Amino acid sequence: MARPHIEFDLNDVVEMKKPHPCGTNQWKVIRMGADIRIKCLGCGHSVMLSRSEFQKKIKRVLESGTKEEQDQNNG
């Protein structure tokens, strides 16, 4: 059974299937292109993954980054 494609965008906070060695599994999407760069919200370490690898490892989107960007632009 094929896993559904999860939609995500720049600055979204996502939950990954496996936790980072620091203990958290929450990451922020900081770069999008052919590859995806994510930053650990626990320790600040960043990792670059291919789009296909990222789709396999993502569990769900916790927060949309567009709301955060709008608040910064309005305030």
PDB file of N, CA and C in Angstrom:
ATOM      1  N   MET A   1       0.844  -1.189   0.000  1.00  0.00           N
ATOM      2  CA  MET A   1       0.000   0.000   0.000  1.00  0.00           C
ATOM      3  C   MET A   1       0.881   1.241   0.000  1.00  0.00           C
ATOM      4  N   ALA A   2       0.605   2.150  -0.910  1.00  0.00           N
ATOM      5  CA  ALA A   2       1.405   3.364  -1.026  1.00  0.00           C
ATOM      6  C   ALA A   2       1.052   4.344   0.088  1.00  0.00           C
ATOM      7  N   ARG A   3       2.059   4.955   0.631  1.00  0.00           N
ATOM      8  CA  ARG A   3       1.868   5.932   1.692  1.00  0.00           C
ATOM      9  C   ARG A   3       1.429   7.258   1.079  1.00  0.00           C
ATOM     10  N   PRO A   4       0.442   7.945   1.656  1.00  0.00           N
ATOM     11  CA  PRO A   4      -0.014   9.211   1.075  1.00  0.00           C
ATOM     12  C   PRO A   4       1.082  10.277   1.123  1.00  0.00           C
ATOM     13  N   HIS A   5       1.100  11.110   0.103  1.00  0.00           N
ATOM     14  CA  HIS A   5       2.060  12.202   0.009  1.00  0.00           C
ATOM     15  C   HIS A   5       1.697  13.281   1.031  1.00  0.00           C
ATOM     16  N   ILE A   6       2.648  13.697   1.853  1.00  0.00           N
ATOM     17  CA  ILE A   6       2.404  14.721   2.869  1.00  0.00           C
ATOM     18  C   ILE A   6       2.845  16.075   2.321  1.00  0.00           C
ATOM     19  N   GLU A   7       1.940  17.048   2.336  1.00  0.00           N
ATOM     20  CA  GLU A   7       2.254  18.391   1.865  1.00  0.00           C
ATOM     21  C   GLU A   7       2.968  19.169   2.970  1.00  0.00           C
ATOM     22  N   PHE A   8       4.033  19.869   2.618  1.00  0.00           N
ATOM     23  CA  PHE A   8       4.784  20.684   3.565  1.00  0.00           C
ATOM     24  C   PHE A   8       5.318  21.893   2.825  1.00  0.00           C
ATOM     25  N   ASP A   9       5.731  22.907   3.567  1.00  0.00           N
ATOM     26  CA  ASP A   9       6.225  24.140   2.971  1.00  0.00           C
ATOM     27  C   ASP A   9       7.394  24.662   3.783  1.00  0.00           C
ATOM     28  N   LEU A  10       8.041  25.682   3.286  1.00  0.00           N
ATOM     29  CA  LEU A  10       9.167  26.303   3.961  1.00  0.00           C
ATOM     30  C   LEU A  10       8.732  26.830   5.331  1.00  0.00           C
ATOM     31  N   ASN A  11       9.561  26.667   6.345  1.00  0.00           N
ATOM     32  CA  ASN A  11       9.343  27.095   7.731  1.00  0.00           C
ATOM     33  C   ASN A  11       8.291  26.287   8.482  1.00  0.00           C
ATOM     34  N   ASP A  12       7.795  25.198   7.905  1.00  0.00           N
ATOM     35  CA  ASP A  12       6.888  24.313   8.632  1.00  0.00           C
ATOM     36  C   ASP A  12       7.667  23.552   9.700  1.00  0.00           C
ATOM     37  N   VAL A  13       7.029  23.272  10.815  1.00  0.00           N
ATOM     38  CA  VAL A  13       7.596  22.402  11.842  1.00  0.00           C
ATOM     39  C   VAL A  13       6.992  21.027  11.614  1.00  0.00           C
ATOM     40  N   VAL A  14       7.872  20.028  11.416  1.00  0.00           N
ATOM     41  CA  VAL A  14       7.417  18.671  11.109  1.00  0.00           C
ATOM     42  C   VAL A  14       7.885  17.693  12.170  1.00  0.00           C
ATOM     43  N   GLU A  15       7.163  16.596  12.287  1.00  0.00           N
ATOM     44  CA  GLU A  15       7.542  15.519  13.192  1.00  0.00           C
ATOM     45  C   GLU A  15       8.055  14.366  12.335  1.00  0.00           C
ATOM     46  N   MET A  16       9.236  13.872  12.678  1.00  0.00           N
ATOM     47  CA  MET A  16       9.828  12.761  11.948  1.00  0.00           C
ATOM     48  C   MET A  16       9.510  11.451  12.677  1.00  0.00           C
ATOM     49  N   LYS A  17       9.636  10.328  11.975  1.00  0.00           N
ATOM     50  CA  LYS A  17       9.314   9.030  12.563  1.00  0.00           C
ATOM     51  C   LYS A  17      10.260   8.675  13.705  1.00  0.00           C
ATOM     52  N   LYS A  18      11.561   8.881  13.506  1.00  0.00           N
ATOM     53  CA  LYS A  18      12.549   8.529  14.524  1.00  0.00           C
ATOM     54  C   LYS A  18      13.086   9.793  15.189  1.00  0.00           C
ATOM     55  N   PRO A  19      13.306   9.755  16.500  1.00  0.00           N
ATOM     56  CA  PRO A  19      13.854  10.940  17.173  1.00  0.00           C
ATOM     57  C   PRO A  19      15.333  11.141  16.862  1.00  0.00           C
ATOM     58  N   HIS A  20      15.777  12.377  16.930  1.00  0.00           N
ATOM     59  CA  HIS A  20      17.178  12.744  16.791  1.00  0.00           C
ATOM     60  C   HIS A  20      17.905  12.278  18.060  1.00  0.00           C
ATOM     61  N   PRO A  21      19.202  12.019  18.021  1.00  0.00           N
ATOM     62  CA  PRO A  21      19.928  11.602  19.231  1.00  0.00           C
ATOM     63  C   PRO A  21      19.781  12.557  20.423  1.00  0.00           C
ATOM     64  N   CYS A  22      19.448  13.829  20.177  1.00  0.00           N
ATOM     65  CA  CYS A  22      19.258  14.771  21.281  1.00  0.00           C
ATOM     66  C   CYS A  22      17.936  14.528  22.008  1.00  0.00           C
ATOM     67  N   GLY A  23      17.033  13.723  21.418  1.00  0.00           N
ATOM     68  CA  GLY A  23      15.799  13.357  22.093  1.00  0.00           C
ATOM     69  C   GLY A  23      14.530  13.908  21.487  1.00  0.00           C
ATOM     70  N   THR A  24      14.623  14.863  20.568  1.00  0.00           N
ATOM     71  CA  THR A  24      13.412  15.431  19.974  1.00  0.00           C
ATOM     72  C   THR A  24      13.210  14.891  18.562  1.00  0.00           C
ATOM     73  N   ASN A  25      11.965  14.901  18.089  1.00  0.00           N
ATOM     74  CA  ASN A  25      11.709  14.521  16.702  1.00  0.00           C
ATOM     75  C   ASN A  25      10.969  15.642  15.971  1.00  0.00           C
ATOM     76  N   GLN A  26      11.141  16.876  16.452  1.00  0.00           N
ATOM     77  CA  GLN A  26      10.555  18.048  15.812  1.00  0.00           C
ATOM     78  C   GLN A  26      11.636  18.800  15.051  1.00  0.00           C
ATOM     79  N   TRP A  27      11.347  19.091  13.790  1.00  0.00           N
ATOM     80  CA  TRP A  27      12.301  19.728  12.894  1.00  0.00           C
ATOM     81  C   TRP A  27      11.615  20.862  12.149  1.00  0.00           C
ATOM     82  N   LYS A  28      12.396  21.866  11.762  1.00  0.00           N
ATOM     83  CA  LYS A  28      11.881  22.983  10.973  1.00  0.00           C
ATOM     84  C   LYS A  28      12.463  22.886   9.567  1.00  0.00           C
ATOM     85  N   VAL A  29      11.611  23.021   8.544  1.00  0.00           N
ATOM     86  CA  VAL A  29      12.059  22.982   7.153  1.00  0.00           C
ATOM     87  C   VAL A  29      12.682  24.338   6.847  1.00  0.00           C
ATOM     88  N   ILE A  30      13.995  24.353   6.563  1.00  0.00           N
ATOM     89  CA  ILE A  30      14.681  25.634   6.346  1.00  0.00           C
ATOM     90  C   ILE A  30      15.125  25.842   4.898  1.00  0.00           C
ATOM     91  N   ARG A  31      15.049  24.788   4.054  1.00  0.00           N
ATOM     92  CA  ARG A  31      15.403  24.936   2.645  1.00  0.00           C
ATOM     93  C   ARG A  31      14.640  23.913   1.837  1.00  0.00           C
ATOM     94  N   MET A  32      14.113  24.356   0.696  1.00  0.00           N
ATOM     95  CA  MET A  32      13.404  23.445  -0.194  1.00  0.00           C
ATOM     96  C   MET A  32      13.948  23.606  -1.604  1.00  0.00           C
ATOM     97  N   GLY A  33      14.107  22.513  -2.271  1.00  0.00           N
ATOM     98  CA  GLY A  33      14.583  22.472  -3.641  1.00  0.00           C
ATOM     99  C   GLY A  33      14.565  21.016  -4.059  1.00  0.00           C
ATOM    100  N   ALA A  34      15.601  20.598  -4.790  1.00  0.00           N
ATOM    101  CA  ALA A  34      15.721  19.176  -5.115  1.00  0.00           C
ATOM    102  C   ALA A  34      15.921  18.380  -3.832  1.00  0.00           C
ATOM    103  N   ASP A  35      16.592  19.006  -2.863  1.00  0.00           N
ATOM    104  CA  ASP A  35      16.799  18.422  -1.544  1.00  0.00           C
ATOM    105  C   ASP A  35      16.078  19.268  -0.506  1.00  0.00           C
ATOM    106  N   ILE A  36      15.813  18.683   0.650  1.00  0.00           N
ATOM    107  CA  ILE A  36      15.150  19.375   1.757  1.00  0.00           C
ATOM    108  C   ILE A  36      16.150  19.481   2.904  1.00  0.00           C
ATOM    109  N   ARG A  37      16.346  20.696   3.446  1.00  0.00           N
ATOM    110  CA  ARG A  37      17.189  20.864   4.630  1.00  0.00           C
ATOM    111  C   ARG A  37      16.278  21.128   5.815  1.00  0.00           C
ATOM    112  N   ILE A  38      16.485  20.350   6.886  1.00  0.00           N
ATOM    113  CA  ILE A  38      15.697  20.512   8.097  1.00  0.00           C
ATOM    114  C   ILE A  38      16.628  20.789   9.268  1.00  0.00           C
ATOM    115  N   LYS A  39      16.121  21.541  10.250  1.00  0.00           N
ATOM    116  CA  LYS A  39      16.904  21.919  11.429  1.00  0.00           C
ATOM    117  C   LYS A  39      16.220  21.369  12.668  1.00  0.00           C
ATOM    118  N   CYS A  40      16.991  20.673  13.516  1.00  0.00           N
ATOM    119  CA  CYS A  40      16.461  20.098  14.744  1.00  0.00           C
ATOM    120  C   CYS A  40      16.091  21.229  15.703  1.00  0.00           C
ATOM    121  N   LEU A  41      14.884  21.166  16.266  1.00  0.00           N
ATOM    122  CA  LEU A  41      14.458  22.199  17.212  1.00  0.00           C
ATOM    123  C   LEU A  41      14.986  21.949  18.613  1.00  0.00           C
ATOM    124  N   GLY A  42      15.607  20.794  18.825  1.00  0.00           N
ATOM    125  CA  GLY A  42      16.195  20.489  20.128  1.00  0.00           C
ATOM    126  C   GLY A  42      17.604  21.036  20.259  1.00  0.00           C
ATOM    127  N   CYS A  43      18.465  20.702  19.285  1.00  0.00           N
ATOM    128  CA  CYS A  43      19.879  21.062  19.409  1.00  0.00           C
ATOM    129  C   CYS A  43      20.374  21.988  18.306  1.00  0.00           C
ATOM    130  N   GLY A  44      19.582  22.220  17.258  1.00  0.00           N
ATOM    131  CA  GLY A  44      19.979  23.133  16.194  1.00  0.00           C
ATOM    132  C   GLY A  44      20.746  22.488  15.048  1.00  0.00           C
ATOM    133  N   HIS A  45      20.993  21.185  15.106  1.00  0.00           N
ATOM    134  CA  HIS A  45      21.710  20.479  14.041  1.00  0.00           C
ATOM    135  C   HIS A  45      20.853  20.471  12.780  1.00  0.00           C
ATOM    136  N   SER A  46      21.467  20.678  11.614  1.00  0.00           N
ATOM    137  CA  SER A  46      20.699  20.632  10.368  1.00  0.00           C
ATOM    138  C   SER A  46      21.141  19.456   9.518  1.00  0.00           C
ATOM    139  N   VAL A  47      20.188  18.911   8.768  1.00  0.00           N
ATOM    140  CA  VAL A  47      20.396  17.727   7.940  1.00  0.00           C
ATOM    141  C   VAL A  47      19.763  17.988   6.582  1.00  0.00           C
ATOM    142  N   MET A  48      20.427  17.532   5.510  1.00  0.00           N
ATOM    143  CA  MET A  48      19.860  17.635   4.172  1.00  0.00           C
ATOM    144  C   MET A  48      19.470  16.247   3.688  1.00  0.00           C
ATOM    145  N   LEU A  49      18.231  16.121   3.205  1.00  0.00           N
ATOM    146  CA  LEU A  49      17.699  14.858   2.711  1.00  0.00           C
ATOM    147  C   LEU A  49      17.134  15.064   1.307  1.00  0.00           C
ATOM    148  N   SER A  50      17.153  14.003   0.492  1.00  0.00           N
ATOM    149  CA  SER A  50      16.480  14.086  -0.799  1.00  0.00           C
ATOM    150  C   SER A  50      14.973  14.143  -0.530  1.00  0.00           C
ATOM    151  N   ARG A  51      14.222  14.649  -1.484  1.00  0.00           N
ATOM    152  CA  ARG A  51      12.762  14.747  -1.305  1.00  0.00           C
ATOM    153  C   ARG A  51      12.142  13.379  -1.038  1.00  0.00           C
ATOM    154  N   SER A  52      12.584  12.372  -1.767  1.00  0.00           N
ATOM    155  CA  SER A  52      11.998  11.034  -1.587  1.00  0.00           C
ATOM    156  C   SER A  52      12.331  10.473  -0.204  1.00  0.00           C
ATOM    157  N   GLU A  53      13.561  10.681   0.254  1.00  0.00           N
ATOM    158  CA  GLU A  53      13.948  10.200   1.583  1.00  0.00           C
ATOM    159  C   GLU A  53      13.168  10.953   2.663  1.00  0.00           C
ATOM    160  N   PHE A  54      12.995  12.274   2.476  1.00  0.00           N
ATOM    161  CA  PHE A  54      12.244  13.081   3.436  1.00  0.00           C
ATOM    162  C   PHE A  54      10.798  12.588   3.531  1.00  0.00           C
ATOM    163  N   GLN A  55      10.171  12.296   2.378  1.00  0.00           N
ATOM    164  CA  GLN A  55       8.784  11.815   2.381  1.00  0.00           C
ATOM    165  C   GLN A  55       8.651  10.476   3.110  1.00  0.00           C
ATOM    166  N   LYS A  56       9.680   9.639   3.048  1.00  0.00           N
ATOM    167  CA  LYS A  56       9.649   8.360   3.752  1.00  0.00           C
ATOM    168  C   LYS A  56       9.758   8.547   5.258  1.00  0.00           C
ATOM    169  N   LYS A  57      10.514   9.575   5.696  1.00  0.00           N
ATOM    170  CA  LYS A  57      10.828   9.739   7.107  1.00  0.00           C
ATOM    171  C   LYS A  57       9.893  10.690   7.857  1.00  0.00           C
ATOM    172  N   ILE A  58       9.111  11.495   7.141  1.00  0.00           N
ATOM    173  CA  ILE A  58       8.214  12.450   7.805  1.00  0.00           C
ATOM    174  C   ILE A  58       6.983  11.715   8.340  1.00  0.00           C
ATOM    175  N   LYS A  59       6.533  12.145   9.512  1.00  0.00           N
ATOM    176  CA  LYS A  59       5.331  11.557  10.113  1.00  0.00           C
ATOM    177  C   LYS A  59       4.134  12.478   9.888  1.00  0.00           C
ATOM    178  N   ARG A  60       4.305  13.767  10.219  1.00  0.00           N
ATOM    179  CA  ARG A  60       3.223  14.730  10.018  1.00  0.00           C
ATOM    180  C   ARG A  60       3.749  16.152  10.167  1.00  0.00           C
ATOM    181  N   VAL A  61       2.946  17.126   9.717  1.00  0.00           N
ATOM    182  CA  VAL A  61       3.265  18.543   9.877  1.00  0.00           C
ATOM    183  C   VAL A  61       2.606  19.014  11.166  1.00  0.00           C
ATOM    184  N   LEU A  62       3.399  19.585  12.080  1.00  0.00           N
ATOM    185  CA  LEU A  62       2.885  20.054  13.365  1.00  0.00           C
ATOM    186  C   LEU A  62       2.411  21.504  13.295  1.00  0.00           C
ATOM    187  N   GLU A  63       3.184  22.355  12.625  1.00  0.00           N
ATOM    188  CA  GLU A  63       2.851  23.783  12.509  1.00  0.00           C
ATOM    189  C   GLU A  63       3.148  24.246  11.109  1.00  0.00           C
ATOM    190  N   SER A  64       2.271  25.094  10.583  1.00  0.00           N
ATOM    191  CA  SER A  64       2.506  25.676   9.271  1.00  0.00           C
ATOM    192  C   SER A  64       3.377  26.917   9.429  1.00  0.00           C
ATOM    193  N   GLY A  65       4.391  27.043   8.615  1.00  0.00           N
ATOM    194  CA  GLY A  65       5.304  28.177   8.687  1.00  0.00           C
ATOM    195  C   GLY A  65       4.731  29.444   8.100  1.00  0.00           C
ATOM    196  N   THR A  66       3.682  29.346   7.282  1.00  0.00           N
ATOM    197  CA  THR A  66       3.126  30.528   6.646  1.00  0.00           C
ATOM    198  C   THR A  66       2.508  31.468   7.684  1.00  0.00           C
ATOM    199  N   LYS A  67       1.897  30.924   8.732  1.00  0.00           N
ATOM    200  CA  LYS A  67       1.311  31.749   9.790  1.00  0.00           C
ATOM    201  C   LYS A  67       2.410  32.531  10.510  1.00  0.00           C
ATOM    202  N   GLU A  68       3.529  31.879  10.792  1.00  0.00           N
ATOM    203  CA  GLU A  68       4.653  32.525  11.464  1.00  0.00           C
ATOM    204  C   GLU A  68       5.209  33.663  10.611  1.00  0.00           C
ATOM    205  N   GLU A  69       5.332  33.428   9.287  1.00  0.00           N
ATOM    206  CA  GLU A  69       5.839  34.461   8.390  1.00  0.00           C
ATOM    207  C   GLU A  69       4.891  35.644   8.344  1.00  0.00           C
ATOM    208  N   GLN A  70       3.573  35.400   8.305  1.00  0.00           N
ATOM    209  CA  GLN A  70       2.598  36.481   8.261  1.00  0.00           C
ATOM    210  C   GLN A  70       2.654  37.324   9.520  1.00  0.00           C
ATOM    211  N   ASP A  71       2.803  36.671  10.689  1.00  0.00           N
ATOM    212  CA  ASP A  71       2.906  37.403  11.953  1.00  0.00           C
ATOM    213  C   ASP A  71       4.138  38.296  11.969  1.00  0.00           C
ATOM    214  N   GLN A  72       5.257  37.826  11.430  1.00  0.00           N
ATOM    215  CA  GLN A  72       6.484  38.616  11.389  1.00  0.00           C
ATOM    216  C   GLN A  72       6.339  39.800  10.437  1.00  0.00           C
ATOM    217  N   ASN A  73       5.652  39.587   9.313  1.00  0.00           N
ATOM    218  CA  ASN A  73       5.475  40.656   8.327  1.00  0.00           C
ATOM    219  C   ASN A  73       4.483  41.707   8.816  1.00  0.00           C
ATOM    220  N   ASN A  74       3.490  41.319   9.599  1.00  0.00           N
ATOM    221  CA  ASN A  74       2.486  42.256  10.101  1.00  0.00           C
ATOM    222  C   ASN A  74       2.936  42.988  11.348  1.00  0.00           C
ATOM    223  N   GLY A  75       3.875  42.440  12.079  1.00  0.00           N
ATOM    224  CA  GLY A  75       4.258  43.015  13.358  1.00  0.00           C
ATOM    225  C   GLY A  75       5.499  43.753  13.350  1.00  0.00           C
TER     226      GLY A  75
END
